[in-house]
C-alpha atoms as a PDB file:
ATOM      1  CA  UNK A   1      -7.019  -8.378 -38.188  1.00  0.00           C
ATOM      2  CA  UNK A   2      -6.714  -5.099 -39.980  1.00  0.00           C
ATOM      3  CA  UNK A   3      -9.096  -2.236 -40.149  1.00  0.00           C
ATOM      4  CA  UNK A   4     -11.130  -0.322 -37.651  1.00  0.00           C
ATOM      5  CA  UNK A   5     -12.725  -3.293 -35.903  1.00  0.00           C
ATOM      6  CA  UNK A   6      -9.591  -5.469 -35.965  1.00  0.00           C
ATOM      7  CA  UNK A   7      -8.292  -4.272 -32.620  1.00  0.00           C
ATOM      8  CA  UNK A   8     -11.723  -4.819 -31.053  1.00  0.00           C
ATOM      9  CA  UNK A   9     -11.821  -8.351 -32.481  1.00  0.00           C
ATOM     10  CA  UNK A  10      -8.440  -9.050 -30.911  1.00  0.00           C
ATOM     11  CA  UNK A  11      -9.688  -7.661 -27.604  1.00  0.00           C
ATOM     12  CA  UNK A  12     -12.763  -9.887 -27.855  1.00  0.00           C
ATOM     13  CA  UNK A  13     -10.603 -12.953 -28.513  1.00  0.00           C
ATOM     14  CA  UNK A  14      -8.399 -12.208 -25.493  1.00  0.00           C
ATOM     15  CA  UNK A  15     -11.484 -11.690 -23.305  1.00  0.00           C
ATOM     16  CA  UNK A  16     -13.004 -14.955 -24.569  1.00  0.00           C
ATOM     17  CA  UNK A  17      -9.735 -16.791 -23.855  1.00  0.00           C
ATOM     18  CA  UNK A  18      -9.744 -15.354 -20.328  1.00  0.00           C
ATOM     19  CA  UNK A  19     -13.328 -16.496 -19.754  1.00  0.00           C
ATOM     20  CA  UNK A  20     -12.475 -19.972 -21.084  1.00  0.00           C
ATOM     21  CA  UNK A  21      -9.495 -20.278 -18.729  1.00  0.00           C
ATOM     22  CA  UNK A  22     -11.677 -19.138 -15.813  1.00  0.00           C
ATOM     23  CA  UNK A  23     -14.484 -21.574 -16.616  1.00  0.00           C
ATOM     24  CA  UNK A  24     -11.982 -24.362 -17.316  1.00  0.00           C
ATOM     25  CA  UNK A  25     -10.253 -23.885 -13.958  1.00  0.00           C
ATOM     26  CA  UNK A  26     -13.524 -23.987 -12.035  1.00  0.00           C
ATOM     27  CA  UNK A  27     -14.718 -26.976 -14.074  1.00  0.00           C
ATOM     28  CA  UNK A  28     -11.491 -28.872 -13.372  1.00  0.00           C
ATOM     29  CA  UNK A  29     -11.862 -28.043  -9.692  1.00  0.00           C
ATOM     30  CA  UNK A  30     -15.406 -29.422  -9.641  1.00  0.00           C
ATOM     31  CA  UNK A  31     -14.361 -32.607 -11.460  1.00  0.00           C
ATOM     32  CA  UNK A  32     -11.217 -33.324  -9.443  1.00  0.00           C
ATOM     33  CA  UNK A  33     -12.316 -32.520  -5.902  1.00  0.00           C
ATOM     34  CA  UNK A  34     -13.505 -35.261  -3.558  1.00  0.00           C
ATOM     35  CA  UNK A  35     -17.239 -35.897  -3.465  1.00  0.00           C
ATOM     36  CA  UNK A  36     -17.488 -35.651   0.322  1.00  0.00           C
ATOM     37  CA  UNK A  37     -14.451 -33.981   1.914  1.00  0.00           C
ATOM     38  CA  UNK A  38     -13.287 -35.258   5.289  1.00  0.00           C
ATOM     39  CA  UNK A  39     -14.222 -33.346   8.443  1.00  0.00           C
ATOM     40  CA  UNK A  40     -11.371 -34.115  10.859  1.00  0.00           C
ATOM     41  CA  UNK A  41     -11.966 -33.283  14.516  1.00  0.00           C
ATOM     42  CA  UNK A  42     -10.817 -29.806  15.457  1.00  0.00           C
ATOM     43  CA  UNK A  43     -10.959 -28.445  11.928  1.00  0.00           C
ATOM     44  CA  UNK A  44     -13.046 -25.422  12.911  1.00  0.00           C
ATOM     45  CA  UNK A  45     -11.222 -24.699  16.187  1.00  0.00           C
ATOM     46  CA  UNK A  46      -9.326 -21.419  16.380  1.00  0.00           C
ATOM     47  CA  UNK A  47      -5.593 -21.950  15.913  1.00  0.00           C
ATOM     48  CA  UNK A  48      -3.016 -19.455  17.101  1.00  0.00           C
ATOM     49  CA  UNK A  49       0.625 -20.487  16.579  1.00  0.00           C
ATOM     50  CA  UNK A  50       0.043 -23.930  18.058  1.00  0.00           C
ATOM     51  CA  UNK A  51      -1.175 -22.538  21.361  1.00  0.00           C
ATOM     52  CA  UNK A  52      -4.778 -22.527  22.500  1.00  0.00           C
ATOM     53  CA  UNK A  53      -6.084 -18.963  22.441  1.00  0.00           C
ATOM     54  CA  UNK A  54      -6.575 -17.467  25.891  1.00  0.00           C
ATOM     55  CA  UNK A  55      -8.566 -14.363  26.754  1.00  0.00           C
ATOM     56  CA  UNK A  56     -10.842 -12.223  24.679  1.00  0.00           C
ATOM     57  CA  UNK A  57     -10.521 -11.402  21.036  1.00  0.00           C
ATOM     58  CA  UNK A  58     -10.479  -7.614  21.500  1.00  0.00           C
ATOM     59  CA  UNK A  59      -7.089  -5.893  21.648  1.00  0.00           C
ATOM     60  CA  UNK A  60      -6.859  -2.137  21.538  1.00  0.00           C
ATOM     61  CA  UNK A  61      -3.987  -0.692  19.514  1.00  0.00           C
ATOM     62  CA  UNK A  62      -2.219   2.314  20.937  1.00  0.00           C
ATOM     63  CA  UNK A  63      -2.501   5.576  19.047  1.00  0.00           C
ATOM     64  CA  UNK A  64       1.232   6.276  19.101  1.00  0.00           C
ATOM     65  CA  UNK A  65       1.831   3.649  16.410  1.00  0.00           C
ATOM     66  CA  UNK A  66      -0.514   5.505  14.081  1.00  0.00           C
ATOM     67  CA  UNK A  67       1.072   8.855  14.954  1.00  0.00           C
ATOM     68  CA  UNK A  68       4.544   7.541  14.112  1.00  0.00           C
ATOM     69  CA  UNK A  69       3.292   6.060  10.850  1.00  0.00           C
ATOM     70  CA  UNK A  70       1.501   9.275   9.931  1.00  0.00           C
ATOM     71  CA  UNK A  71       4.528  11.441  10.706  1.00  0.00           C
ATOM     72  CA  UNK A  72       6.797   9.121   8.750  1.00  0.00           C
ATOM     73  CA  UNK A  73       4.571   9.175   5.680  1.00  0.00           C
ATOM     74  CA  UNK A  74       4.120  12.929   5.946  1.00  0.00           C
ATOM     75  CA  UNK A  75       7.829  13.733   6.102  1.00  0.00           C
ATOM     76  CA  UNK A  76       8.830  11.031   3.618  1.00  0.00           C
ATOM     77  CA  UNK A  77       6.410  12.332   0.999  1.00  0.00           C
ATOM     78  CA  UNK A  78       7.505  15.901   1.588  1.00  0.00           C
ATOM     79  CA  UNK A  79      11.152  14.860   1.367  1.00  0.00           C
ATOM     80  CA  UNK A  80      10.425  13.359  -2.051  1.00  0.00           C
ATOM     81  CA  UNK A  81       9.670  16.884  -3.272  1.00  0.00           C
ATOM     82  CA  UNK A  82      13.297  17.823  -2.596  1.00  0.00           C
ATOM     83  CA  UNK A  83      14.649  15.544  -5.330  1.00  0.00           C
ATOM     84  CA  UNK A  84      13.000  17.218  -8.362  1.00  0.00           C
ATOM     85  CA  UNK A  85      14.062  20.587  -6.984  1.00  0.00           C
ATOM     86  CA  UNK A  86      17.665  19.402  -6.707  1.00  0.00           C
ATOM     87  CA  UNK A  87      17.559  18.223 -10.326  1.00  0.00           C
ATOM     88  CA  UNK A  88      16.249  21.482 -11.826  1.00  0.00           C
ATOM     89  CA  UNK A  89      18.165  23.803  -9.500  1.00  0.00           C
ATOM     90  CA  UNK A  90      21.255  23.706 -11.704  1.00  0.00           C
ATOM     91  CA  UNK A  91      19.344  24.573 -14.892  1.00  0.00           C
ATOM     92  CA  UNK A  92      19.478  28.135 -16.196  1.00  0.00           C
ATOM     93  CA  UNK A  93      16.610  30.380 -15.171  1.00  0.00           C
ATOM     94  CA  UNK A  94      16.382  29.102 -11.612  1.00  0.00           C
ATOM     95  CA  UNK A  95      17.972  31.553  -9.257  1.00  0.00           C
ATOM     96  CA  UNK A  96      17.397  32.949  -5.817  1.00  0.00           C
ATOM     97  CA  UNK A  97      13.624  32.638  -6.158  1.00  0.00           C
ATOM     98  CA  UNK A  98      13.983  28.863  -6.285  1.00  0.00           C
ATOM     99  CA  UNK A  99      16.327  28.852  -3.315  1.00  0.00           C
ATOM    100  CA  UNK A 100      13.880  31.018  -1.357  1.00  0.00           C
ATOM    101  CA  UNK A 101      10.916  28.771  -2.178  1.00  0.00           C
ATOM    102  CA  UNK A 102      12.808  25.687  -1.099  1.00  0.00           C
ATOM    103  CA  UNK A 103      13.996  27.474   2.044  1.00  0.00           C
ATOM    104  CA  UNK A 104      10.381  28.216   2.970  1.00  0.00           C
ATOM    105  CA  UNK A 105       9.442  24.597   2.262  1.00  0.00           C
ATOM    106  CA  UNK A 106      12.254  23.218   4.425  1.00  0.00           C
ATOM    107  CA  UNK A 107      11.409  25.764   7.162  1.00  0.00           C
ATOM    108  CA  UNK A 108       7.810  24.489   7.249  1.00  0.00           C
ATOM    109  CA  UNK A 109       9.140  20.923   7.522  1.00  0.00           C
ATOM    110  CA  UNK A 110      11.474  21.975  10.328  1.00  0.00           C
ATOM    111  CA  UNK A 111       8.649  23.743  12.162  1.00  0.00           C
ATOM    112  CA  UNK A 112       6.492  20.619  11.905  1.00  0.00           C
ATOM    113  CA  UNK A 113       9.178  18.353  13.320  1.00  0.00           C
ATOM    114  CA  UNK A 114      10.003  20.926  16.025  1.00  0.00           C
ATOM    115  CA  UNK A 115       6.330  21.136  16.992  1.00  0.00           C
ATOM    116  CA  UNK A 116       6.088  17.334  17.226  1.00  0.00           C
ATOM    117  CA  UNK A 117       9.263  17.240  19.306  1.00  0.00           C
ATOM    118  CA  UNK A 118       8.103  19.983  21.699  1.00  0.00           C
ATOM    119  CA  UNK A 119       4.726  18.283  22.218  1.00  0.00           C
ATOM    120  CA  UNK A 120       6.660  15.100  23.089  1.00  0.00           C
ATOM    121  CA  UNK A 121       4.974  13.188  20.294  1.00  0.00           C
ATOM    122  CA  UNK A 122       8.313  11.693  19.277  1.00  0.00           C
ATOM    123  CA  UNK A 123       9.163  10.241  22.699  1.00  0.00           C
ATOM    124  CA  UNK A 124       8.657   6.515  22.982  1.00  0.00           C
ATOM    125  CA  UNK A 125       7.158   5.331  26.275  1.00  0.00           C
END
């Protein structure tokens, strides 16, 4: 399979093989399944860990879980930016300007966590 269209021919063969596997799997399923599957009693009853469900199906989640998750993702992603800075800090050409930029970045992170702490967002009730 050389030439300009060779790679497209190979792609076409792989796609055709994928379609054949897909059709073959569904065909085997249709041939091997039972003609009329059994309907045992209680098959469509709600099952919850072996206990009959009690009460309604509506449960309201508290917002503090989302706040903790959001704060974690926010500070974890921002902390990831510290690693590339630590790698290039030792290279020549990076001086006090780099230290100042990272100081401002860490100060903004510290202000954010201080704000969340002062607003009592980080207290678990």
